[in-house]
N, C-alpha and C. Protein backbone atom coordinates (compact mmCIF):
# COMPACT_ATOMS: atom_id res chain seq x y z
N MET A 1 57.34 -55.32 -40.53
CA MET A 1 56.54 -54.48 -40.36
C MET A 1 57.02 -53.02 -40.51
N SER A 2 56.25 -52.02 -41.70
CA SER A 2 56.56 -50.65 -42.06
C SER A 2 57.39 -49.83 -41.19
N ILE A 3 58.53 -49.53 -41.17
CA ILE A 3 59.26 -48.00 -40.49
C ILE A 3 58.19 -47.23 -40.80
N LEU A 4 58.62 -46.16 -39.90
CA LEU A 4 57.96 -44.90 -40.36
C LEU A 4 59.80 -44.18 -41.36
N LEU A 5 59.07 -43.11 -42.33
CA LEU A 5 60.32 -42.28 -43.49
C LEU A 5 60.08 -41.01 -42.96
N THR A 6 61.32 -40.23 -42.70
CA THR A 6 61.48 -38.79 -42.00
C THR A 6 61.59 -38.20 -43.87
N MET A 7 61.55 -36.69 -43.77
CA MET A 7 61.51 -36.14 -44.96
C MET A 7 62.65 -36.31 -45.71
N ASP A 8 63.62 -36.46 -44.93
CA ASP A 8 64.78 -36.86 -45.43
C ASP A 8 65.43 -38.27 -46.21
N THR A 9 64.67 -38.76 -45.76
CA THR A 9 65.17 -40.16 -46.18
C THR A 9 64.04 -40.82 -47.32
N ILE A 10 63.66 -39.82 -47.78
CA ILE A 10 62.63 -40.16 -48.85
C ILE A 10 63.03 -39.94 -49.93
N GLY A 11 63.72 -40.84 -51.15
CA GLY A 11 64.30 -40.74 -51.99
C GLY A 11 62.87 -40.93 -53.59
N PRO A 12 63.56 -40.21 -54.74
CA PRO A 12 63.11 -40.29 -55.79
C PRO A 12 62.03 -40.97 -56.31
N ASP A 13 62.60 -42.44 -55.79
CA ASP A 13 62.13 -43.98 -56.80
C ASP A 13 61.05 -44.19 -55.16
N ASP A 14 60.40 -43.03 -54.35
CA ASP A 14 59.53 -43.64 -53.45
C ASP A 14 57.91 -43.10 -53.73
N ARG A 15 57.90 -42.91 -54.70
CA ARG A 15 56.67 -42.03 -54.60
C ARG A 15 55.05 -43.15 -54.07
N GLY A 16 56.01 -44.23 -54.73
CA GLY A 16 55.06 -45.48 -54.60
C GLY A 16 54.47 -46.21 -53.14
N ARG A 17 55.21 -45.69 -52.38
CA ARG A 17 55.26 -45.96 -50.98
C ARG A 17 55.17 -45.18 -50.16
N VAL A 18 55.64 -43.88 -50.15
CA VAL A 18 54.79 -42.39 -49.47
C VAL A 18 54.00 -41.60 -50.48
N GLY A 19 53.13 -41.88 -51.41
CA GLY A 19 52.00 -41.07 -52.17
C GLY A 19 52.66 -39.83 -52.58
N GLY A 20 51.78 -39.00 -53.63
CA GLY A 20 52.15 -38.01 -54.49
C GLY A 20 52.59 -36.43 -53.34
N LYS A 21 51.32 -36.66 -51.97
CA LYS A 21 51.83 -35.00 -51.57
C LYS A 21 52.92 -35.36 -50.81
N ALA A 22 53.66 -36.43 -49.95
CA ALA A 22 54.78 -36.26 -49.17
C ALA A 22 55.54 -36.67 -50.22
N TRP A 23 55.31 -37.07 -50.78
CA TRP A 23 57.36 -37.20 -52.21
C TRP A 23 57.32 -35.98 -53.13
N ALA A 24 56.05 -35.13 -53.22
CA ALA A 24 56.49 -34.09 -54.01
C ALA A 24 56.99 -33.16 -52.53
N LEU A 25 56.55 -32.86 -51.45
CA LEU A 25 57.42 -32.10 -50.31
C LEU A 25 58.87 -32.68 -50.25
N ALA A 26 58.61 -33.66 -50.04
CA ALA A 26 60.25 -34.58 -49.70
C ALA A 26 61.24 -33.98 -50.96
N GLN A 27 61.07 -33.64 -52.38
CA GLN A 27 61.53 -33.55 -53.05
C GLN A 27 62.25 -31.74 -52.84
N LEU A 28 60.54 -31.21 -52.74
CA LEU A 28 61.34 -29.65 -51.94
C LEU A 28 62.40 -29.99 -51.12
N CYS A 29 62.51 -30.57 -49.81
CA CYS A 29 63.13 -30.28 -48.98
C CYS A 29 64.30 -30.64 -49.59
N ARG A 30 64.99 -31.54 -50.19
CA ARG A 30 66.11 -31.94 -51.41
C ARG A 30 66.66 -31.06 -51.94
N ARG A 31 66.06 -29.95 -52.39
CA ARG A 31 66.45 -28.91 -52.80
C ARG A 31 66.28 -27.77 -52.52
N GLY A 32 66.39 -27.49 -51.17
CA GLY A 32 66.59 -26.67 -50.00
C GLY A 32 65.54 -25.71 -49.61
N VAL A 33 64.26 -26.21 -50.39
CA VAL A 33 62.79 -25.16 -50.27
C VAL A 33 62.83 -25.86 -48.57
N PRO A 34 62.33 -24.20 -47.57
CA PRO A 34 62.58 -24.91 -46.06
C PRO A 34 60.55 -25.67 -46.49
N VAL A 35 60.57 -26.99 -46.08
CA VAL A 35 59.52 -27.48 -45.34
C VAL A 35 59.16 -27.98 -44.73
N PRO A 36 58.38 -28.06 -42.97
CA PRO A 36 58.42 -28.30 -42.04
C PRO A 36 58.78 -29.38 -42.01
N ARG A 37 59.73 -30.05 -40.96
CA ARG A 37 60.02 -31.48 -40.87
C ARG A 37 58.58 -33.07 -40.63
N GLY A 38 59.16 -33.92 -40.58
CA GLY A 38 57.86 -34.64 -40.65
C GLY A 38 57.82 -36.24 -41.05
N VAL A 39 57.18 -36.64 -40.69
CA VAL A 39 57.21 -38.26 -40.99
C VAL A 39 56.02 -39.40 -41.82
N VAL A 40 56.31 -40.13 -42.61
CA VAL A 40 55.27 -40.83 -43.37
C VAL A 40 55.29 -42.47 -42.82
N VAL A 41 53.59 -42.55 -42.56
CA VAL A 41 53.42 -43.61 -42.25
C VAL A 41 53.42 -44.45 -43.84
N PRO A 42 54.38 -45.09 -44.27
CA PRO A 42 54.35 -46.02 -45.81
C PRO A 42 53.12 -46.65 -45.94
N ALA A 43 52.88 -46.31 -47.44
CA ALA A 43 51.76 -46.79 -47.82
C ALA A 43 51.34 -48.98 -47.57
N ASP A 44 52.49 -49.25 -47.44
CA ASP A 44 52.50 -51.32 -46.88
C ASP A 44 52.13 -50.97 -45.64
N ALA A 45 52.23 -50.10 -44.66
CA ALA A 45 51.27 -50.29 -43.70
C ALA A 45 50.05 -50.37 -43.78
N TYR A 46 50.00 -49.27 -44.86
CA TYR A 46 47.66 -49.64 -44.96
C TYR A 46 47.71 -50.49 -45.07
N GLN A 47 48.90 -50.97 -46.20
CA GLN A 47 48.22 -52.65 -46.74
C GLN A 47 48.32 -53.61 -45.64
N THR A 48 48.79 -53.64 -45.22
CA THR A 48 49.44 -54.40 -43.85
C THR A 48 48.26 -54.86 -42.50
N PHE A 49 47.74 -53.45 -42.22
CA PHE A 49 46.48 -53.08 -41.67
C PHE A 49 45.22 -53.39 -42.50
N MET A 50 45.33 -53.48 -43.95
CA MET A 50 44.20 -53.43 -44.58
C MET A 50 43.74 -55.70 -44.15
N ARG A 51 44.91 -56.14 -44.14
CA ARG A 51 45.21 -57.76 -44.57
C ARG A 51 44.18 -58.24 -43.10
N VAL A 52 45.51 -57.38 -41.92
CA VAL A 52 45.16 -58.12 -40.75
C VAL A 52 43.54 -58.16 -39.95
N ASN A 53 43.24 -56.78 -40.72
CA ASN A 53 41.41 -57.04 -40.29
C ASN A 53 40.41 -57.46 -41.39
N GLN A 54 41.75 -58.13 -42.13
CA GLN A 54 40.69 -58.93 -43.04
C GLN A 54 39.84 -58.11 -44.30
N LEU A 55 40.12 -56.61 -44.19
CA LEU A 55 38.79 -56.06 -45.07
C LEU A 55 39.95 -55.74 -46.85
N ASP A 56 41.22 -56.40 -46.58
CA ASP A 56 41.34 -56.04 -48.26
C ASP A 56 40.80 -57.34 -49.11
N GLU A 57 40.14 -57.84 -48.20
CA GLU A 57 39.34 -58.93 -50.36
C GLU A 57 38.83 -57.75 -50.61
N ARG A 58 37.56 -57.03 -49.61
CA ARG A 58 36.25 -55.47 -49.89
C ARG A 58 36.83 -54.18 -50.50
N ALA A 59 38.41 -54.12 -49.94
CA ALA A 59 38.74 -53.02 -50.81
C ALA A 59 39.07 -53.71 -51.96
N SER A 60 39.41 -54.79 -52.86
CA SER A 60 39.69 -55.57 -53.70
C SER A 60 38.56 -55.83 -54.75
N ALA A 61 37.46 -55.30 -53.86
CA ALA A 61 36.09 -55.68 -54.51
C ALA A 61 35.61 -54.55 -55.23
N GLY A 62 36.21 -53.81 -54.60
CA GLY A 62 36.02 -52.03 -55.15
C GLY A 62 35.36 -51.39 -53.47
N GLY A 63 35.00 -52.24 -52.25
CA GLY A 63 34.54 -51.24 -51.22
C GLY A 63 33.42 -51.36 -51.62
N ASP A 64 32.87 -50.73 -50.04
CA ASP A 64 31.03 -50.70 -49.27
C ASP A 64 30.99 -49.79 -48.83
N PRO A 65 29.59 -49.13 -48.71
CA PRO A 65 29.70 -48.33 -48.04
C PRO A 65 30.27 -48.91 -46.05
N ASN A 66 30.16 -49.68 -46.31
CA ASN A 66 30.45 -49.75 -44.12
C ASN A 66 32.34 -49.64 -43.94
N LEU A 67 33.02 -49.54 -45.10
CA LEU A 67 34.72 -50.40 -45.51
C LEU A 67 35.01 -48.69 -44.64
N ALA A 68 34.68 -47.85 -44.70
CA ALA A 68 35.57 -47.01 -43.83
C ALA A 68 35.68 -46.55 -42.30
N SER A 69 34.13 -46.77 -42.27
CA SER A 69 33.60 -46.93 -40.46
C SER A 69 34.30 -48.47 -40.06
N ASP A 70 34.62 -49.16 -40.98
CA ASP A 70 35.24 -50.62 -40.12
C ASP A 70 36.73 -50.53 -39.75
N ILE A 71 37.64 -49.43 -40.54
CA ILE A 71 38.30 -49.22 -40.53
C ILE A 71 38.91 -48.16 -39.92
N LEU A 72 38.08 -47.15 -38.95
CA LEU A 72 38.18 -46.04 -38.21
C LEU A 72 38.20 -47.22 -36.88
N GLN A 73 37.55 -48.70 -36.72
CA GLN A 73 37.58 -49.75 -35.72
C GLN A 73 38.51 -50.64 -35.32
N GLY A 74 39.56 -50.49 -36.79
CA GLY A 74 40.08 -51.92 -37.09
C GLY A 74 41.37 -51.67 -35.68
N GLU A 75 42.12 -52.67 -35.95
CA GLU A 75 42.84 -52.45 -34.74
C GLU A 75 44.08 -52.61 -35.40
N PHE A 76 44.76 -51.67 -35.05
CA PHE A 76 46.02 -50.38 -35.37
C PHE A 76 47.11 -51.70 -34.36
N ASP A 77 48.40 -51.59 -35.60
CA ASP A 77 49.32 -52.77 -35.01
C ASP A 77 49.94 -52.06 -33.70
N LEU A 78 50.20 -52.62 -33.03
CA LEU A 78 51.48 -52.22 -31.51
C LEU A 78 52.49 -51.12 -31.91
N THR A 79 53.33 -52.03 -33.15
CA THR A 79 54.68 -51.49 -32.92
C THR A 79 54.57 -50.18 -33.30
N LEU A 80 54.17 -49.76 -34.72
CA LEU A 80 53.84 -48.64 -35.48
C LEU A 80 52.95 -47.68 -34.39
N ALA A 81 52.24 -48.00 -33.06
CA ALA A 81 51.48 -46.86 -32.68
C ALA A 81 52.54 -46.89 -32.07
N GLN A 82 53.26 -47.32 -31.44
CA GLN A 82 54.49 -47.06 -30.04
C GLN A 82 55.82 -46.28 -31.31
N SER A 83 55.98 -46.58 -32.42
CA SER A 83 56.80 -45.42 -33.05
C SER A 83 55.98 -44.22 -33.81
N LEU A 84 54.92 -44.38 -34.12
CA LEU A 84 53.88 -43.18 -34.27
C LEU A 84 54.04 -42.10 -33.02
N GLN A 85 54.06 -42.20 -31.58
CA GLN A 85 53.87 -41.86 -30.48
C GLN A 85 54.72 -41.35 -29.82
N VAL A 86 56.04 -41.56 -30.56
CA VAL A 86 57.30 -41.33 -29.94
C VAL A 86 57.61 -40.57 -31.05
N ALA A 87 57.40 -40.24 -32.35
CA ALA A 87 57.86 -39.12 -33.49
C ALA A 87 56.63 -37.80 -32.92
N ALA A 88 55.51 -38.57 -32.81
CA ALA A 88 54.43 -37.37 -33.05
C ALA A 88 55.29 -36.63 -31.70
N VAL A 89 55.15 -37.16 -30.53
CA VAL A 89 55.93 -36.13 -29.42
C VAL A 89 57.12 -35.41 -29.63
N GLU A 90 58.19 -35.59 -30.77
CA GLU A 90 59.03 -34.87 -31.12
C GLU A 90 58.78 -34.28 -32.05
N LEU A 91 57.52 -33.81 -32.85
CA LEU A 91 56.79 -32.67 -33.92
C LEU A 91 56.54 -31.96 -32.86
N GLY A 92 55.72 -32.35 -32.04
CA GLY A 92 55.62 -31.22 -31.55
C GLY A 92 54.02 -31.35 -30.96
N ASN A 93 53.06 -30.59 -30.14
CA ASN A 93 52.06 -30.63 -29.57
C ASN A 93 51.06 -30.63 -30.68
N GLN A 94 50.92 -29.91 -31.48
CA GLN A 94 49.60 -29.82 -32.56
C GLN A 94 50.58 -29.98 -33.55
N LEU A 95 49.75 -31.19 -34.75
CA LEU A 95 50.25 -31.99 -35.31
C LEU A 95 49.01 -31.66 -36.62
N ALA A 96 49.67 -32.09 -37.86
CA ALA A 96 48.96 -32.17 -39.23
C ALA A 96 49.43 -33.15 -39.89
N VAL A 97 48.18 -34.26 -39.55
CA VAL A 97 47.85 -35.88 -39.69
C VAL A 97 46.56 -35.63 -41.75
N ARG A 98 48.41 -35.66 -42.75
CA ARG A 98 47.50 -35.45 -43.94
C ARG A 98 47.24 -37.15 -44.95
N SER A 99 46.72 -36.90 -45.19
CA SER A 99 46.90 -37.94 -46.95
C SER A 99 47.47 -38.02 -47.74
N SER A 100 48.23 -39.00 -48.14
CA SER A 100 48.72 -39.04 -49.13
C SER A 100 48.55 -40.22 -49.99
N GLY A 101 48.05 -39.64 -50.86
CA GLY A 101 47.86 -41.06 -51.94
C GLY A 101 48.39 -41.53 -52.69
N VAL A 102 48.90 -42.69 -52.95
CA VAL A 102 49.85 -43.01 -53.99
C VAL A 102 49.48 -42.68 -55.30
N GLU A 103 47.84 -42.33 -55.91
CA GLU A 103 47.38 -41.86 -56.65
C GLU A 103 47.28 -40.42 -57.06
N GLU A 104 47.21 -40.35 -55.85
CA GLU A 104 46.96 -38.44 -55.77
C GLU A 104 48.13 -37.69 -56.49
N ASP A 105 47.99 -36.78 -57.13
CA ASP A 105 48.41 -35.58 -57.47
C ASP A 105 49.45 -36.45 -58.91
N GLY A 106 48.94 -36.89 -59.33
CA GLY A 106 49.35 -37.22 -60.63
C GLY A 106 49.03 -36.42 -61.90
N GLY A 107 49.81 -37.34 -63.17
CA GLY A 107 49.71 -36.27 -63.85
C GLY A 107 48.40 -36.70 -64.69
N THR A 108 47.41 -37.04 -64.46
CA THR A 108 46.65 -37.48 -64.79
C THR A 108 45.04 -36.90 -64.31
N GLU A 109 45.26 -37.53 -62.60
CA GLU A 109 44.24 -37.05 -61.33
C GLU A 109 44.78 -36.52 -60.42
N SER A 110 44.36 -35.40 -60.10
CA SER A 110 44.08 -35.55 -58.76
C SER A 110 44.07 -35.48 -57.08
N PHE A 111 42.88 -35.84 -57.48
CA PHE A 111 42.09 -36.56 -56.14
C PHE A 111 42.43 -35.02 -55.62
N ALA A 112 42.07 -34.14 -55.75
CA ALA A 112 42.36 -32.88 -54.62
C ALA A 112 40.45 -32.92 -54.00
N GLY A 113 40.90 -32.47 -53.21
CA GLY A 113 39.75 -32.94 -52.11
C GLY A 113 38.99 -33.97 -51.70
N GLN A 114 39.55 -35.35 -51.74
CA GLN A 114 38.69 -35.84 -51.87
C GLN A 114 39.27 -36.73 -50.56
N TYR A 115 40.67 -36.93 -49.95
CA TYR A 115 41.10 -37.84 -49.30
C TYR A 115 41.15 -36.14 -47.97
N ASP A 116 41.38 -37.00 -46.82
CA ASP A 116 41.07 -35.85 -45.34
C ASP A 116 42.71 -35.85 -44.92
N THR A 117 42.47 -34.92 -44.44
CA THR A 117 43.45 -33.89 -43.74
C THR A 117 43.05 -33.41 -41.83
N VAL A 118 43.85 -33.75 -40.66
CA VAL A 118 43.20 -33.80 -39.61
C VAL A 118 44.03 -32.68 -38.88
N LEU A 119 43.25 -31.63 -38.58
CA LEU A 119 44.24 -31.06 -38.09
C LEU A 119 44.12 -30.38 -36.41
N GLY A 120 45.15 -30.06 -35.72
CA GLY A 120 45.52 -29.82 -34.80
C GLY A 120 45.47 -31.68 -33.51
N VAL A 121 45.83 -32.11 -33.80
CA VAL A 121 46.00 -33.47 -33.54
C VAL A 121 47.61 -33.33 -32.68
N GLY A 122 46.77 -34.40 -31.16
CA GLY A 122 47.88 -33.76 -29.85
C GLY A 122 48.45 -35.55 -29.90
N PRO A 123 50.11 -35.44 -30.07
CA PRO A 123 50.39 -37.09 -29.76
C PRO A 123 49.68 -37.52 -28.85
N GLY A 124 50.21 -39.31 -28.90
CA GLY A 124 49.47 -40.24 -28.58
C GLY A 124 48.07 -40.59 -28.92
N ALA A 125 47.08 -41.05 -28.53
CA ALA A 125 45.64 -42.00 -29.39
C ALA A 125 45.25 -41.01 -30.42
N GLU A 126 45.49 -39.34 -30.05
CA GLU A 126 44.67 -38.94 -31.11
C GLU A 126 45.82 -39.26 -32.68
N VAL A 127 46.59 -39.38 -32.56
CA VAL A 127 47.58 -38.86 -33.87
C VAL A 127 47.09 -40.78 -34.33
N ILE A 128 46.72 -41.51 -33.67
CA ILE A 128 46.45 -42.92 -34.32
C ILE A 128 45.40 -42.69 -34.54
N ALA A 129 43.97 -42.05 -33.69
CA ALA A 129 42.58 -42.00 -34.83
C ALA A 129 42.73 -41.37 -36.08
N ALA A 130 44.24 -40.26 -36.39
CA ALA A 130 44.04 -39.61 -37.52
C ALA A 130 44.62 -40.29 -38.75
N VAL A 131 45.19 -41.27 -37.99
CA VAL A 131 45.93 -41.78 -39.47
C VAL A 131 44.92 -43.12 -39.38
N LEU A 132 43.73 -43.60 -38.79
CA LEU A 132 42.89 -44.34 -39.46
C LEU A 132 42.18 -43.30 -40.16
N ALA A 133 41.93 -42.41 -39.55
CA ALA A 133 40.84 -41.32 -40.42
C ALA A 133 41.47 -41.29 -42.09
N CYS A 134 42.47 -40.66 -42.06
CA CYS A 134 42.97 -41.19 -43.41
C CYS A 134 43.30 -41.89 -44.21
N TRP A 135 43.32 -43.30 -43.46
CA TRP A 135 42.93 -44.33 -44.22
C TRP A 135 41.78 -44.68 -44.84
N ALA A 136 40.37 -44.50 -43.59
CA ALA A 136 39.47 -44.86 -43.88
C ALA A 136 38.96 -43.81 -45.27
N SER A 137 39.14 -42.21 -45.62
CA SER A 137 38.57 -41.53 -46.44
C SER A 137 39.23 -41.54 -47.41
N ALA A 138 40.09 -43.00 -48.08
CA ALA A 138 40.21 -43.45 -49.39
C ALA A 138 39.06 -43.95 -49.87
N TRP A 139 38.00 -44.41 -48.53
CA TRP A 139 36.41 -44.79 -48.96
C TRP A 139 35.55 -44.80 -49.11
N SER A 140 35.46 -43.55 -48.73
CA SER A 140 34.25 -42.02 -48.48
C SER A 140 33.33 -42.26 -49.77
N SER A 141 32.31 -41.62 -49.61
CA SER A 141 31.54 -42.35 -50.20
C SER A 141 32.38 -41.23 -51.80
N ARG A 142 32.54 -39.85 -51.18
CA ARG A 142 33.03 -38.94 -51.85
C ARG A 142 33.98 -39.56 -52.99
N ALA A 143 34.89 -40.30 -52.46
CA ALA A 143 36.23 -40.74 -52.77
C ALA A 143 35.71 -41.74 -54.12
N MET A 144 35.28 -42.88 -53.21
CA MET A 144 34.82 -43.67 -54.55
C MET A 144 33.71 -43.35 -55.54
N ALA A 145 32.99 -42.81 -55.43
CA ALA A 145 32.28 -41.92 -56.46
C ALA A 145 33.49 -41.10 -57.24
N TYR A 146 34.71 -40.04 -56.75
CA TYR A 146 35.97 -39.70 -57.42
C TYR A 146 36.41 -41.03 -58.67
N ARG A 147 36.99 -42.33 -58.43
CA ARG A 147 36.83 -43.11 -58.99
C ARG A 147 36.40 -43.42 -59.83
N ALA A 148 35.04 -43.40 -59.27
CA ALA A 148 34.14 -43.97 -60.35
C ALA A 148 33.83 -43.58 -61.48
N GLN A 149 33.29 -42.40 -61.83
CA GLN A 149 33.69 -41.01 -62.69
C GLN A 149 34.94 -41.37 -63.33
N ARG A 150 35.86 -41.43 -63.05
CA ARG A 150 37.09 -41.90 -64.32
C ARG A 150 37.50 -42.97 -64.12
N ALA A 151 36.84 -44.27 -64.06
CA ALA A 151 36.70 -45.78 -64.41
C ALA A 151 37.59 -46.00 -63.94
N SER A 152 38.25 -45.81 -62.43
CA SER A 152 39.11 -45.63 -62.04
C SER A 152 40.09 -47.48 -61.77
N ALA A 153 40.64 -48.01 -62.57
CA ALA A 153 40.53 -49.32 -62.08
C ALA A 153 42.10 -50.03 -61.10
N VAL A 154 42.30 -48.59 -60.57
CA VAL A 154 43.46 -48.73 -59.15
C VAL A 154 43.01 -48.30 -58.16
N LEU A 155 43.90 -49.66 -57.56
CA LEU A 155 42.56 -49.16 -55.65
C LEU A 155 43.55 -48.31 -55.42
N PRO A 156 43.33 -47.55 -54.36
CA PRO A 156 43.87 -46.74 -53.39
C PRO A 156 44.39 -47.25 -52.77
N GLN A 157 45.48 -47.01 -52.61
CA GLN A 157 46.59 -46.84 -51.58
C GLN A 157 47.64 -45.35 -51.32
N MET A 158 46.86 -45.77 -49.10
CA MET A 158 47.40 -44.74 -48.72
C MET A 158 48.39 -44.63 -47.90
N ALA A 159 49.29 -43.74 -48.18
CA ALA A 159 49.94 -43.31 -46.83
C ALA A 159 49.85 -42.08 -46.32
N VAL A 160 50.50 -41.75 -45.01
CA VAL A 160 49.86 -40.76 -44.33
C VAL A 160 51.51 -40.07 -43.88
N LEU A 161 51.23 -38.60 -44.09
CA LEU A 161 52.56 -37.65 -43.67
C LEU A 161 51.84 -36.49 -42.34
N ILE A 162 52.83 -36.75 -41.05
CA ILE A 162 52.49 -36.11 -40.20
C ILE A 162 53.53 -34.98 -40.03
N GLN A 163 52.78 -33.77 -39.57
CA GLN A 163 53.76 -32.79 -39.54
C GLN A 163 53.57 -31.56 -37.82
N PRO A 164 54.22 -30.43 -38.17
CA PRO A 164 54.12 -30.02 -37.18
C PRO A 164 52.93 -29.23 -37.71
N LEU A 165 52.01 -28.23 -37.23
CA LEU A 165 50.76 -27.79 -37.29
C LEU A 165 51.61 -26.20 -37.49
N VAL A 166 51.40 -25.51 -38.72
CA VAL A 166 51.98 -23.93 -38.65
C VAL A 166 51.08 -23.33 -38.73
N ARG A 167 50.85 -22.23 -38.45
CA ARG A 167 50.13 -21.05 -37.90
C ARG A 167 50.59 -20.33 -39.14
N PRO A 168 50.47 -19.73 -40.24
CA PRO A 168 50.40 -19.14 -41.10
C PRO A 168 50.03 -17.33 -41.02
N ARG A 169 51.14 -16.48 -41.39
CA ARG A 169 50.34 -14.94 -41.32
C ARG A 169 49.74 -14.86 -42.75
N CYS A 170 50.40 -15.15 -43.93
CA CYS A 170 49.50 -15.66 -45.05
C CYS A 170 49.27 -17.16 -45.30
N ALA A 171 48.99 -17.59 -46.28
CA ALA A 171 49.00 -19.10 -47.02
C ALA A 171 47.72 -18.82 -48.34
N GLY A 172 48.80 -19.04 -49.47
CA GLY A 172 47.76 -19.52 -50.78
C GLY A 172 48.50 -20.40 -51.73
N VAL A 173 48.04 -20.54 -53.00
CA VAL A 173 47.94 -21.29 -53.48
C VAL A 173 48.55 -20.76 -54.86
N MET A 174 49.17 -21.24 -56.26
CA MET A 174 49.21 -21.42 -57.58
C MET A 174 48.96 -21.87 -58.17
N PHE A 175 48.08 -21.52 -59.16
CA PHE A 175 47.97 -22.34 -60.52
C PHE A 175 49.07 -21.95 -61.83
N THR A 176 49.42 -23.11 -62.08
CA THR A 176 50.11 -22.51 -63.29
C THR A 176 49.66 -22.69 -64.54
N ILE A 177 48.15 -23.14 -64.53
CA ILE A 177 47.69 -23.05 -65.77
C ILE A 177 46.40 -22.38 -65.45
N ASN A 178 45.87 -21.48 -65.63
CA ASN A 178 44.27 -21.45 -65.14
C ASN A 178 43.31 -22.05 -64.84
N PRO A 179 42.81 -22.71 -63.55
CA PRO A 179 41.50 -23.33 -64.19
C PRO A 179 40.72 -22.96 -64.32
N LEU A 180 40.02 -21.24 -64.96
CA LEU A 180 38.87 -21.55 -65.16
C LEU A 180 38.95 -21.16 -66.41
N THR A 181 40.48 -20.76 -66.74
CA THR A 181 39.78 -20.57 -68.80
C THR A 181 40.70 -21.46 -69.57
N GLY A 182 41.97 -22.56 -68.28
CA GLY A 182 42.38 -23.91 -69.06
C GLY A 182 43.92 -23.27 -69.95
N SER A 183 43.92 -21.78 -70.01
CA SER A 183 44.94 -21.06 -70.52
C SER A 183 46.65 -21.21 -70.07
N TRP A 184 47.72 -21.60 -70.72
CA TRP A 184 48.70 -22.06 -70.57
C TRP A 184 49.31 -20.33 -70.05
N ARG A 185 48.75 -19.69 -70.92
CA ARG A 185 49.38 -18.30 -70.33
C ARG A 185 49.44 -17.90 -69.11
N GLU A 186 48.40 -18.04 -68.53
CA GLU A 186 48.05 -17.32 -67.39
C GLU A 186 47.44 -18.16 -65.92
N MET A 187 48.46 -17.78 -65.51
CA MET A 187 48.69 -18.26 -64.13
C MET A 187 47.70 -17.02 -62.64
N THR A 188 47.26 -18.20 -61.67
CA THR A 188 46.29 -17.35 -60.98
C THR A 188 46.61 -17.71 -59.30
N VAL A 189 47.22 -16.83 -58.24
CA VAL A 189 47.31 -16.91 -57.82
C VAL A 189 45.79 -17.33 -56.08
N GLU A 190 45.27 -17.51 -55.74
CA GLU A 190 44.58 -17.25 -54.58
C GLU A 190 45.17 -17.40 -53.54
N ALA A 191 45.24 -16.53 -52.29
CA ALA A 191 46.30 -16.16 -50.97
C ALA A 191 44.83 -15.67 -50.40
N GLU A 192 45.36 -16.00 -48.95
CA GLU A 192 44.83 -15.45 -47.72
C GLU A 192 45.92 -14.97 -47.01
N ILE A 193 45.41 -13.46 -46.37
CA ILE A 193 46.15 -13.10 -45.10
C ILE A 193 45.71 -13.34 -44.15
N VAL A 194 46.51 -13.13 -42.95
CA VAL A 194 45.37 -13.44 -41.54
C VAL A 194 46.43 -12.13 -40.57
N GLN A 195 45.56 -11.76 -40.05
CA GLN A 195 45.82 -10.42 -39.58
C GLN A 195 46.94 -11.00 -37.97
N GLU A 196 47.75 -10.21 -37.90
CA GLU A 196 48.65 -10.65 -36.75
C GLU A 196 47.85 -10.82 -35.03
N ASN A 197 46.85 -9.82 -34.89
CA ASN A 197 46.13 -10.46 -34.15
C ASN A 197 44.83 -11.46 -34.05
N ASP A 198 44.69 -11.88 -34.99
CA ASP A 198 43.87 -13.46 -35.53
C ASP A 198 44.34 -13.98 -34.83
N GLU A 199 43.50 -15.27 -34.17
CA GLU A 199 43.71 -16.57 -33.12
C GLU A 199 43.65 -17.36 -34.13
N ALA A 200 43.06 -17.33 -35.58
CA ALA A 200 43.74 -18.12 -36.62
C ALA A 200 44.90 -18.38 -36.79
């Protein structure tokens, strides 16, 4: 059975196990960038879940409208569940459970916004349900439509990153290429400042 990976144990060659999002954050962490600690449920745990619950053949056939809901109802490995619950308690009372698709954030396809993240998750049964939700999001109607539009023959493989929920004073994203014009000479920053007296 797969074991959980911590951010500091993810190496340069582990992208296929932990997905694009977790891999990129782990590389930042290795370079000394302050990244919230976390654990990763590797993609092979997803593969094992799909096989044990006899869902892998349906996935290999391209999925169907009921696959996502059947994943949510699937039998979760007890050993993995126990490891997750122990790790979740150590990370805190409010967690961010984030999908990290292996094909996500790649050189040709981003899958931005296609897979789910669950915020404000508590330890215990909530974290298990959130992991299932991330796995199921690989087979949502929007994710399947995204793959179909790109004629992608790659079956989704889903790792899940679990971190403490950070409540920032400000947050934003920087595009190193202007997303509106495609210009490499322009960068665009989108940010939001949260007032200190706001609850958000």
